[in-house]
All heavy atoms as atom14 arrays in JSON, in Angstrom:
{
  "sequence": "MECAVVVAMVLAAVSMARGAGAVGTVGATRDAAVPTSAGGGAG",
  "atom14_mask": [
    [1, 1, 1, 1, 1, 1, 1, 1, 0, 0, 0, 0, 0, 0],
    [1, 1, 1, 1, 1, 1, 1, 1, 1, 0, 0, 0, 0, 0],
    [1, 1, 1, 1, 1, 1, 0, 0, 0, 0, 0, 0, 0, 0],
    [1, 1, 1, 1, 1, 0, 0, 0, 0, 0, 0, 0, 0, 0],
    [1, 1, 1, 1, 1, 1, 1, 0, 0, 0, 0, 0, 0, 0],
    [1, 1, 1, 1, 1, 1, 1, 0, 0, 0, 0, 0, 0, 0],
    [1, 1, 1, 1, 1, 1, 1, 0, 0, 0, 0, 0, 0, 0],
    [1, 1, 1, 1, 1, 0, 0, 0, 0, 0, 0, 0, 0, 0],
    [1, 1, 1, 1, 1, 1, 1, 1, 0, 0, 0, 0, 0, 0],
    [1, 1, 1, 1, 1, 1, 1, 0, 0, 0, 0, 0, 0, 0],
    [1, 1, 1, 1, 1, 1, 1, 1, 0, 0, 0, 0, 0, 0],
    [1, 1, 1, 1, 1, 0, 0, 0, 0, 0, 0, 0, 0, 0],
    [1, 1, 1, 1, 1, 0, 0, 0, 0, 0, 0, 0, 0, 0],
    [1, 1, 1, 1, 1, 1, 1, 0, 0, 0, 0, 0, 0, 0],
    [1, 1, 1, 1, 1, 1, 0, 0, 0, 0, 0, 0, 0, 0],
    [1, 1, 1, 1, 1, 1, 1, 1, 0, 0, 0, 0, 0, 0],
    [1, 1, 1, 1, 1, 0, 0, 0, 0, 0, 0, 0, 0, 0],
    [1, 1, 1, 1, 1, 1, 1, 1, 1, 1, 1, 0, 0, 0],
    [1, 1, 1, 1, 0, 0, 0, 0, 0, 0, 0, 0, 0, 0],
    [1, 1, 1, 1, 1, 0, 0, 0, 0, 0, 0, 0, 0, 0],
    [1, 1, 1, 1, 0, 0, 0, 0, 0, 0, 0, 0, 0, 0],
    [1, 1, 1, 1, 1, 0, 0, 0, 0, 0, 0, 0, 0, 0],
    [1, 1, 1, 1, 1, 1, 1, 0, 0, 0, 0, 0, 0, 0],
    [1, 1, 1, 1, 0, 0, 0, 0, 0, 0, 0, 0, 0, 0],
    [1, 1, 1, 1, 1, 1, 1, 0, 0, 0, 0, 0, 0, 0],
    [1, 1, 1, 1, 1, 1, 1, 0, 0, 0, 0, 0, 0, 0],
    [1, 1, 1, 1, 0, 0, 0, 0, 0, 0, 0, 0, 0, 0],
    [1, 1, 1, 1, 1, 0, 0, 0, 0, 0, 0, 0, 0, 0],
    [1, 1, 1, 1, 1, 1, 1, 0, 0, 0, 0, 0, 0, 0],
    [1, 1, 1, 1, 1, 1, 1, 1, 1, 1, 1, 0, 0, 0],
    [1, 1, 1, 1, 1, 1, 1, 1, 0, 0, 0, 0, 0, 0],
    [1, 1, 1, 1, 1, 0, 0, 0, 0, 0, 0, 0, 0, 0],
    [1, 1, 1, 1, 1, 0, 0, 0, 0, 0, 0, 0, 0, 0],
    [1, 1, 1, 1, 1, 1, 1, 0, 0, 0, 0, 0, 0, 0],
    [1, 1, 1, 1, 1, 1, 1, 0, 0, 0, 0, 0, 0, 0],
    [1, 1, 1, 1, 1, 1, 1, 0, 0, 0, 0, 0, 0, 0],
    [1, 1, 1, 1, 1, 1, 0, 0, 0, 0, 0, 0, 0, 0],
    [1, 1, 1, 1, 1, 0, 0, 0, 0, 0, 0, 0, 0, 0],
    [1, 1, 1, 1, 0, 0, 0, 0, 0, 0, 0, 0, 0, 0],
    [1, 1, 1, 1, 0, 0, 0, 0, 0, 0, 0, 0, 0, 0],
    [1, 1, 1, 1, 0, 0, 0, 0, 0, 0, 0, 0, 0, 0],
    [1, 1, 1, 1, 1, 0, 0, 0, 0, 0, 0, 0, 0, 0],
    [1, 1, 1, 1, 0, 0, 0, 0, 0, 0, 0, 0, 0, 0]
  ],
  "atom14_positions": [
    [[0.05, -9.87, 23.34], [-0.61, -9.14, 22.25], [-0.61, -7.65, 22.63], [-0.35, -6.8, 21.71], [-2.06, -9.62, 22.08], [-2.09, -11.07, 21.56], [-3.84, -11.63, 21.54], [-4.6, -10.56, 20.44], [0.0, 0.0, 0.0], [0.0, 0.0, 0.0], [0.0, 0.0, 0.0], [0.0, 0.0, 0.0], [0.0, 0.0, 0.0], [0.0, 0.0, 0.0]],
    [[-0.9, -7.37, 23.88], [-0.82, -5.93, 24.29], [0.56, -5.27, 24.1], [0.66, -4.14, 23.7], [-1.34, -5.75, 25.7], [-2.83, -6.07, 25.84], [-3.26, -6.07, 27.34], [-2.41, -6.2, 28.25], [-4.41, -5.99, 27.55], [0.0, 0.0, 0.0], [0.0, 0.0, 0.0], [0.0, 0.0, 0.0], [0.0, 0.0, 0.0], [0.0, 0.0, 0.0]],
    [[1.56, -6.08, 24.46], [2.97, -5.55, 24.27], [3.19, -5.27, 22.8], [3.87, -4.2, 22.47], [3.98, -6.6, 24.74], [4.08, -6.83, 26.58], [0.0, 0.0, 0.0], [0.0, 0.0, 0.0], [0.0, 0.0, 0.0], [0.0, 0.0, 0.0], [0.0, 0.0, 0.0], [0.0, 0.0, 0.0], [0.0, 0.0, 0.0], [0.0, 0.0, 0.0]],
    [[2.74, -6.11, 21.93], [2.95, -5.87, 20.46], [2.2, -4.57, 20.04], [2.73, -3.84, 19.22], [2.48, -7.07, 19.66], [0.0, 0.0, 0.0], [0.0, 0.0, 0.0], [0.0, 0.0, 0.0], [0.0, 0.0, 0.0], [0.0, 0.0, 0.0], [0.0, 0.0, 0.0], [0.0, 0.0, 0.0], [0.0, 0.0, 0.0], [0.0, 0.0, 0.0]],
    [[0.99, -4.43, 20.56], [0.26, -3.14, 20.2], [0.96, -1.95, 20.7], [1.01, -0.89, 19.98], [-1.16, -3.25, 20.79], [-1.87, -1.93, 20.58], [-1.96, -4.39, 20.1], [0.0, 0.0, 0.0], [0.0, 0.0, 0.0], [0.0, 0.0, 0.0], [0.0, 0.0, 0.0], [0.0, 0.0, 0.0], [0.0, 0.0, 0.0], [0.0, 0.0, 0.0]],
    [[1.53, -1.99, 21.97], [2.25, -0.84, 22.45], [3.47, -0.5, 21.58], [3.75, 0.67, 21.33], [2.66, -1.11, 23.95], [3.66, -0.01, 24.42], [1.49, -1.1, 24.83], [0.0, 0.0, 0.0], [0.0, 0.0, 0.0], [0.0, 0.0, 0.0], [0.0, 0.0, 0.0], [0.0, 0.0, 0.0], [0.0, 0.0, 0.0], [0.0, 0.0, 0.0]],
    [[4.18, -1.5, 21.13], [5.35, -1.27, 20.28], [4.91, -0.69, 18.99], [5.5, 0.27, 18.47], [6.12, -2.6, 19.99], [7.12, -2.45, 18.89], [6.7, -3.11, 21.25], [0.0, 0.0, 0.0], [0.0, 0.0, 0.0], [0.0, 0.0, 0.0], [0.0, 0.0, 0.0], [0.0, 0.0, 0.0], [0.0, 0.0, 0.0], [0.0, 0.0, 0.0]],
    [[3.74, -1.12, 18.41], [3.25, -0.6, 17.14], [2.85, 0.86, 17.39], [3.01, 1.73, 16.48], [2.01, -1.41, 16.67], [0.0, 0.0, 0.0], [0.0, 0.0, 0.0], [0.0, 0.0, 0.0], [0.0, 0.0, 0.0], [0.0, 0.0, 0.0], [0.0, 0.0, 0.0], [0.0, 0.0, 0.0], [0.0, 0.0, 0.0], [0.0, 0.0, 0.0]],
    [[2.29, 1.16, 18.61], [1.93, 2.56, 18.81], [3.15, 3.48, 18.89], [3.11, 4.61, 18.41], [1.16, 2.66, 20.13], [-0.24, 2.09, 20.16], [-1.02, 2.09, 21.81], [-1.02, 3.84, 22.2], [0.0, 0.0, 0.0], [0.0, 0.0, 0.0], [0.0, 0.0, 0.0], [0.0, 0.0, 0.0], [0.0, 0.0, 0.0], [0.0, 0.0, 0.0]],
    [[4.21, 3.01, 19.51], [5.46, 3.76, 19.5], [5.96, 4.05, 18.14], [6.45, 5.16, 17.81], [6.55, 3.09, 20.39], [7.84, 3.77, 20.36], [6.02, 3.06, 21.9], [0.0, 0.0, 0.0], [0.0, 0.0, 0.0], [0.0, 0.0, 0.0], [0.0, 0.0, 0.0], [0.0, 0.0, 0.0], [0.0, 0.0, 0.0], [0.0, 0.0, 0.0]],
    [[6.01, 2.95, 17.33], [6.49, 3.15, 15.9], [5.63, 4.12, 15.15], [6.12, 4.93, 14.37], [6.52, 1.75, 15.23], [7.53, 0.7, 15.76], [7.3, -0.56, 15.08], [8.91, 1.26, 15.6], [0.0, 0.0, 0.0], [0.0, 0.0, 0.0], [0.0, 0.0, 0.0], [0.0, 0.0, 0.0], [0.0, 0.0, 0.0], [0.0, 0.0, 0.0]],
    [[4.34, 4.11, 15.42], [3.42, 5.01, 14.69], [3.71, 6.47, 15.1], [3.72, 7.34, 14.33], [1.95, 4.62, 15.0], [0.0, 0.0, 0.0], [0.0, 0.0, 0.0], [0.0, 0.0, 0.0], [0.0, 0.0, 0.0], [0.0, 0.0, 0.0], [0.0, 0.0, 0.0], [0.0, 0.0, 0.0], [0.0, 0.0, 0.0], [0.0, 0.0, 0.0]],
    [[3.94, 6.61, 16.46], [4.22, 7.97, 17.0], [5.53, 8.49, 16.44], [5.64, 9.68, 16.03], [4.32, 7.92, 18.47], [0.0, 0.0, 0.0], [0.0, 0.0, 0.0], [0.0, 0.0, 0.0], [0.0, 0.0, 0.0], [0.0, 0.0, 0.0], [0.0, 0.0, 0.0], [0.0, 0.0, 0.0], [0.0, 0.0, 0.0], [0.0, 0.0, 0.0]],
    [[6.57, 7.7, 16.31], [7.81, 8.05, 15.73], [7.66, 8.39, 14.26], [8.22, 9.4, 13.75], [8.86, 7.03, 15.96], [10.19, 7.32, 15.13], [9.25, 6.78, 17.35], [0.0, 0.0, 0.0], [0.0, 0.0, 0.0], [0.0, 0.0, 0.0], [0.0, 0.0, 0.0], [0.0, 0.0, 0.0], [0.0, 0.0, 0.0], [0.0, 0.0, 0.0]],
    [[6.93, 7.59, 13.57], [6.67, 7.92, 12.12], [5.92, 9.24, 11.96], [6.25, 9.99, 11.03], [5.84, 6.78, 11.48], [6.6, 5.53, 11.57], [0.0, 0.0, 0.0], [0.0, 0.0, 0.0], [0.0, 0.0, 0.0], [0.0, 0.0, 0.0], [0.0, 0.0, 0.0], [0.0, 0.0, 0.0], [0.0, 0.0, 0.0], [0.0, 0.0, 0.0]],
    [[4.99, 9.47, 12.77], [4.16, 10.69, 12.71], [5.13, 11.85, 12.97], [4.99, 12.92, 12.31], [3.07, 10.68, 13.71], [2.05, 11.85, 13.59], [0.66, 11.64, 14.58], [1.43, 11.7, 16.2], [0.0, 0.0, 0.0], [0.0, 0.0, 0.0], [0.0, 0.0, 0.0], [0.0, 0.0, 0.0], [0.0, 0.0, 0.0], [0.0, 0.0, 0.0]],
    [[6.05, 11.75, 13.95], [6.89, 12.84, 14.3], [7.88, 13.14, 13.15], [8.34, 14.26, 12.98], [7.76, 12.46, 15.5], [0.0, 0.0, 0.0], [0.0, 0.0, 0.0], [0.0, 0.0, 0.0], [0.0, 0.0, 0.0], [0.0, 0.0, 0.0], [0.0, 0.0, 0.0], [0.0, 0.0, 0.0], [0.0, 0.0, 0.0], [0.0, 0.0, 0.0]],
    [[8.1, 12.11, 12.29], [8.99, 12.38, 11.13], [8.25, 12.81, 9.95], [8.79, 12.84, 8.77], [9.76, 11.08, 10.85], [10.79, 10.68, 11.94], [11.5, 9.4, 11.67], [12.53, 9.11, 12.63], [13.74, 9.52, 12.57], [14.14, 10.27, 11.51], [14.67, 9.21, 13.49], [0.0, 0.0, 0.0], [0.0, 0.0, 0.0], [0.0, 0.0, 0.0]],
    [[6.95, 13.08, 10.06], [6.2, 13.69, 8.99], [5.33, 12.67, 8.15], [4.76, 13.06, 7.14], [0.0, 0.0, 0.0], [0.0, 0.0, 0.0], [0.0, 0.0, 0.0], [0.0, 0.0, 0.0], [0.0, 0.0, 0.0], [0.0, 0.0, 0.0], [0.0, 0.0, 0.0], [0.0, 0.0, 0.0], [0.0, 0.0, 0.0], [0.0, 0.0, 0.0]],
    [[5.34, 11.39, 8.57], [4.57, 10.36, 7.75], [3.09, 10.54, 8.05], [2.7, 10.91, 9.11], [5.05, 8.98, 8.15], [0.0, 0.0, 0.0], [0.0, 0.0, 0.0], [0.0, 0.0, 0.0], [0.0, 0.0, 0.0], [0.0, 0.0, 0.0], [0.0, 0.0, 0.0], [0.0, 0.0, 0.0], [0.0, 0.0, 0.0], [0.0, 0.0, 0.0]],
    [[2.32, 10.26, 7.0], [0.89, 10.14, 7.13], [0.14, 11.47, 7.01], [-1.09, 11.43, 7.11], [0.0, 0.0, 0.0], [0.0, 0.0, 0.0], [0.0, 0.0, 0.0], [0.0, 0.0, 0.0], [0.0, 0.0, 0.0], [0.0, 0.0, 0.0], [0.0, 0.0, 0.0], [0.0, 0.0, 0.0], [0.0, 0.0, 0.0], [0.0, 0.0, 0.0]],
    [[0.86, 12.57, 6.79], [0.17, 13.89, 6.68], [-0.76, 13.9, 5.4], [-0.4, 13.47, 4.39], [1.16, 14.97, 6.66], [0.0, 0.0, 0.0], [0.0, 0.0, 0.0], [0.0, 0.0, 0.0], [0.0, 0.0, 0.0], [0.0, 0.0, 0.0], [0.0, 0.0, 0.0], [0.0, 0.0, 0.0], [0.0, 0.0, 0.0], [0.0, 0.0, 0.0]],
    [[-1.92, 14.51, 5.58], [-2.81, 14.65, 4.46], [-3.01, 16.1, 4.22], [-3.41, 16.91, 5.04], [-4.2, 14.05, 4.81], [-5.19, 14.32, 3.65], [-4.09, 12.58, 5.14], [0.0, 0.0, 0.0], [0.0, 0.0, 0.0], [0.0, 0.0, 0.0], [0.0, 0.0, 0.0], [0.0, 0.0, 0.0], [0.0, 0.0, 0.0], [0.0, 0.0, 0.0]],
    [[-2.7, 16.56, 2.94], [-2.84, 17.97, 2.59], [-1.91, 18.85, 3.29], [-0.74, 18.41, 3.68], [0.0, 0.0, 0.0], [0.0, 0.0, 0.0], [0.0, 0.0, 0.0], [0.0, 0.0, 0.0], [0.0, 0.0, 0.0], [0.0, 0.0, 0.0], [0.0, 0.0, 0.0], [0.0, 0.0, 0.0], [0.0, 0.0, 0.0], [0.0, 0.0, 0.0]],
    [[-2.27, 20.1, 3.62], [-1.37, 21.09, 4.13], [-1.18, 20.77, 5.66], [-2.06, 20.44, 6.37], [-2.03, 22.45, 4.02], [-2.28, 22.7, 2.62], [-1.1, 23.53, 4.59], [0.0, 0.0, 0.0], [0.0, 0.0, 0.0], [0.0, 0.0, 0.0], [0.0, 0.0, 0.0], [0.0, 0.0, 0.0], [0.0, 0.0, 0.0], [0.0, 0.0, 0.0]],
    [[0.09, 20.87, 6.12], [0.39, 20.72, 7.46], [-0.1, 21.9, 8.33], [-0.01, 23.02, 7.87], [1.89, 20.63, 7.66], [2.29, 20.48, 9.14], [2.45, 19.41, 6.95], [0.0, 0.0, 0.0], [0.0, 0.0, 0.0], [0.0, 0.0, 0.0], [0.0, 0.0, 0.0], [0.0, 0.0, 0.0], [0.0, 0.0, 0.0], [0.0, 0.0, 0.0]],
    [[-0.65, 21.55, 9.48], [-1.07, 22.7, 10.36], [-2.53, 22.84, 10.48], [-3.31, 22.22, 9.65], [0.0, 0.0, 0.0], [0.0, 0.0, 0.0], [0.0, 0.0, 0.0], [0.0, 0.0, 0.0], [0.0, 0.0, 0.0], [0.0, 0.0, 0.0], [0.0, 0.0, 0.0], [0.0, 0.0, 0.0], [0.0, 0.0, 0.0], [0.0, 0.0, 0.0]],
    [[-2.95, 23.7, 11.3], [-4.44, 23.87, 11.59], [-5.05, 24.62, 10.39], [-6.22, 24.44, 10.13], [-4.58, 24.65, 12.92], [0.0, 0.0, 0.0], [0.0, 0.0, 0.0], [0.0, 0.0, 0.0], [0.0, 0.0, 0.0], [0.0, 0.0, 0.0], [0.0, 0.0, 0.0], [0.0, 0.0, 0.0], [0.0, 0.0, 0.0], [0.0, 0.0, 0.0]],
    [[-4.38, 25.54, 9.72], [-4.91, 26.3, 8.67], [-4.67, 25.5, 7.34], [-3.59, 25.47, 6.92], [-4.25, 27.76, 8.55], [-4.42, 28.34, 9.79], [-4.93, 28.53, 7.47], [0.0, 0.0, 0.0], [0.0, 0.0, 0.0], [0.0, 0.0, 0.0], [0.0, 0.0, 0.0], [0.0, 0.0, 0.0], [0.0, 0.0, 0.0], [0.0, 0.0, 0.0]],
    [[-5.79, 24.95, 6.8], [-5.63, 24.18, 5.62], [-5.98, 25.03, 4.34], [-6.76, 25.91, 4.41], [-6.51, 22.94, 5.72], [-6.09, 22.01, 6.82], [-7.01, 20.84, 6.87], [-6.91, 20.09, 5.68], [-5.97, 19.14, 5.37], [-4.97, 18.98, 6.22], [-5.99, 18.45, 4.26], [0.0, 0.0, 0.0], [0.0, 0.0, 0.0], [0.0, 0.0, 0.0]],
    [[-5.43, 24.66, 3.22], [-5.57, 25.36, 2.01], [-6.27, 24.57, 0.88], [-6.1, 24.71, -0.27], [-4.25, 25.93, 1.49], [-3.58, 26.8, 2.45], [-4.16, 27.9, 2.68], [-2.49, 26.49, 2.93], [0.0, 0.0, 0.0], [0.0, 0.0, 0.0], [0.0, 0.0, 0.0], [0.0, 0.0, 0.0], [0.0, 0.0, 0.0], [0.0, 0.0, 0.0]],
    [[-7.05, 23.59, 1.37], [-7.74, 22.72, 0.38], [-8.66, 23.35, -0.45], [-8.91, 22.97, -1.65], [-8.48, 21.56, 1.22], [0.0, 0.0, 0.0], [0.0, 0.0, 0.0], [0.0, 0.0, 0.0], [0.0, 0.0, 0.0], [0.0, 0.0, 0.0], [0.0, 0.0, 0.0], [0.0, 0.0, 0.0], [0.0, 0.0, 0.0], [0.0, 0.0, 0.0]],
    [[-9.26, 24.49, 0.03], [-10.2, 25.23, -0.85], [-9.53, 26.2, -1.82], [-10.17, 26.74, -2.64], [-11.17, 26.03, 0.11], [0.0, 0.0, 0.0], [0.0, 0.0, 0.0], [0.0, 0.0, 0.0], [0.0, 0.0, 0.0], [0.0, 0.0, 0.0], [0.0, 0.0, 0.0], [0.0, 0.0, 0.0], [0.0, 0.0, 0.0], [0.0, 0.0, 0.0]],
    [[-8.21, 26.38, -1.65], [-7.48, 27.24, -2.53], [-6.93, 26.55, -3.71], [-6.19, 25.57, -3.56], [-6.34, 27.93, -1.73], [-5.63, 28.92, -2.69], [-6.86, 28.68, -0.51], [0.0, 0.0, 0.0], [0.0, 0.0, 0.0], [0.0, 0.0, 0.0], [0.0, 0.0, 0.0], [0.0, 0.0, 0.0], [0.0, 0.0, 0.0], [0.0, 0.0, 0.0]],
    [[-7.29, 26.92, -4.96], [-6.81, 26.16, -6.07], [-5.24, 26.32, -6.21], [-4.77, 27.43, -6.01], [-7.56, 26.87, -7.29], [-7.89, 28.22, -6.74], [-8.21, 28.03, -5.32], [0.0, 0.0, 0.0], [0.0, 0.0, 0.0], [0.0, 0.0, 0.0], [0.0, 0.0, 0.0], [0.0, 0.0, 0.0], [0.0, 0.0, 0.0], [0.0, 0.0, 0.0]],
    [[-4.65, 25.25, -6.58], [-3.2, 25.29, -6.71], [-2.81, 25.41, -8.13], [-3.64, 25.04, -9.02], [-2.54, 24.02, -6.14], [-3.18, 22.87, -6.77], [-2.84, 23.89, -4.64], [0.0, 0.0, 0.0], [0.0, 0.0, 0.0], [0.0, 0.0, 0.0], [0.0, 0.0, 0.0], [0.0, 0.0, 0.0], [0.0, 0.0, 0.0], [0.0, 0.0, 0.0]],
    [[-1.59, 25.83, -8.38], [-1.1, 26.0, -9.75], [-0.92, 24.64, -10.41], [-0.41, 23.77, -9.82], [0.18, 26.87, -9.71], [-0.09, 28.07, -9.14], [0.0, 0.0, 0.0], [0.0, 0.0, 0.0], [0.0, 0.0, 0.0], [0.0, 0.0, 0.0], [0.0, 0.0, 0.0], [0.0, 0.0, 0.0], [0.0, 0.0, 0.0], [0.0, 0.0, 0.0]],
    [[-1.16, 24.61, -11.68], [-0.9, 23.29, -12.39], [0.53, 23.27, -12.79], [1.27, 24.25, -12.67], [-1.78, 23.32, -13.65], [0.0, 0.0, 0.0], [0.0, 0.0, 0.0], [0.0, 0.0, 0.0], [0.0, 0.0, 0.0], [0.0, 0.0, 0.0], [0.0, 0.0, 0.0], [0.0, 0.0, 0.0], [0.0, 0.0, 0.0], [0.0, 0.0, 0.0]],
    [[0.93, 22.02, -13.18], [2.34, 21.84, -13.65], [3.27, 21.71, -12.43], [3.15, 20.91, -11.63], [0.0, 0.0, 0.0], [0.0, 0.0, 0.0], [0.0, 0.0, 0.0], [0.0, 0.0, 0.0], [0.0, 0.0, 0.0], [0.0, 0.0, 0.0], [0.0, 0.0, 0.0], [0.0, 0.0, 0.0], [0.0, 0.0, 0.0], [0.0, 0.0, 0.0]],
    [[4.16, 22.62, -12.38], [5.11, 22.64, -11.22], [6.49, 22.36, -11.56], [7.33, 22.09, -10.7], [0.0, 0.0, 0.0], [0.0, 0.0, 0.0], [0.0, 0.0, 0.0], [0.0, 0.0, 0.0], [0.0, 0.0, 0.0], [0.0, 0.0, 0.0], [0.0, 0.0, 0.0], [0.0, 0.0, 0.0], [0.0, 0.0, 0.0], [0.0, 0.0, 0.0]],
    [[6.84, 22.36, -12.88], [8.27, 22.2, -13.3], [9.05, 23.4, -12.82], [8.61, 24.44, -12.59], [0.0, 0.0, 0.0], [0.0, 0.0, 0.0], [0.0, 0.0, 0.0], [0.0, 0.0, 0.0], [0.0, 0.0, 0.0], [0.0, 0.0, 0.0], [0.0, 0.0, 0.0], [0.0, 0.0, 0.0], [0.0, 0.0, 0.0], [0.0, 0.0, 0.0]],
    [[10.44, 23.15, -12.74], [11.29, 24.23, -12.25], [11.22, 25.41, -13.13], [11.39, 26.56, -12.62], [12.74, 23.64, -12.23], [0.0, 0.0, 0.0], [0.0, 0.0, 0.0], [0.0, 0.0, 0.0], [0.0, 0.0, 0.0], [0.0, 0.0, 0.0], [0.0, 0.0, 0.0], [0.0, 0.0, 0.0], [0.0, 0.0, 0.0], [0.0, 0.0, 0.0]],
    [[10.86, 25.27, -14.41], [10.9, 26.43, -15.29], [9.52, 26.93, -15.67], [9.27, 27.72, -16.49], [0.0, 0.0, 0.0], [0.0, 0.0, 0.0], [0.0, 0.0, 0.0], [0.0, 0.0, 0.0], [0.0, 0.0, 0.0], [0.0, 0.0, 0.0], [0.0, 0.0, 0.0], [0.0, 0.0, 0.0], [0.0, 0.0, 0.0], [0.0, 0.0, 0.0]]
  ]
}
């Protein structure tokens, strides 16, 4: 069981390194309090 958990930890670490699981803005300085623009279409 411990071996399976270690494998799962490695997979989680690889996924995190590839950007999975991020919530909101990446990095220490978050912009959650800054209102974002609505819409977002190319034009």
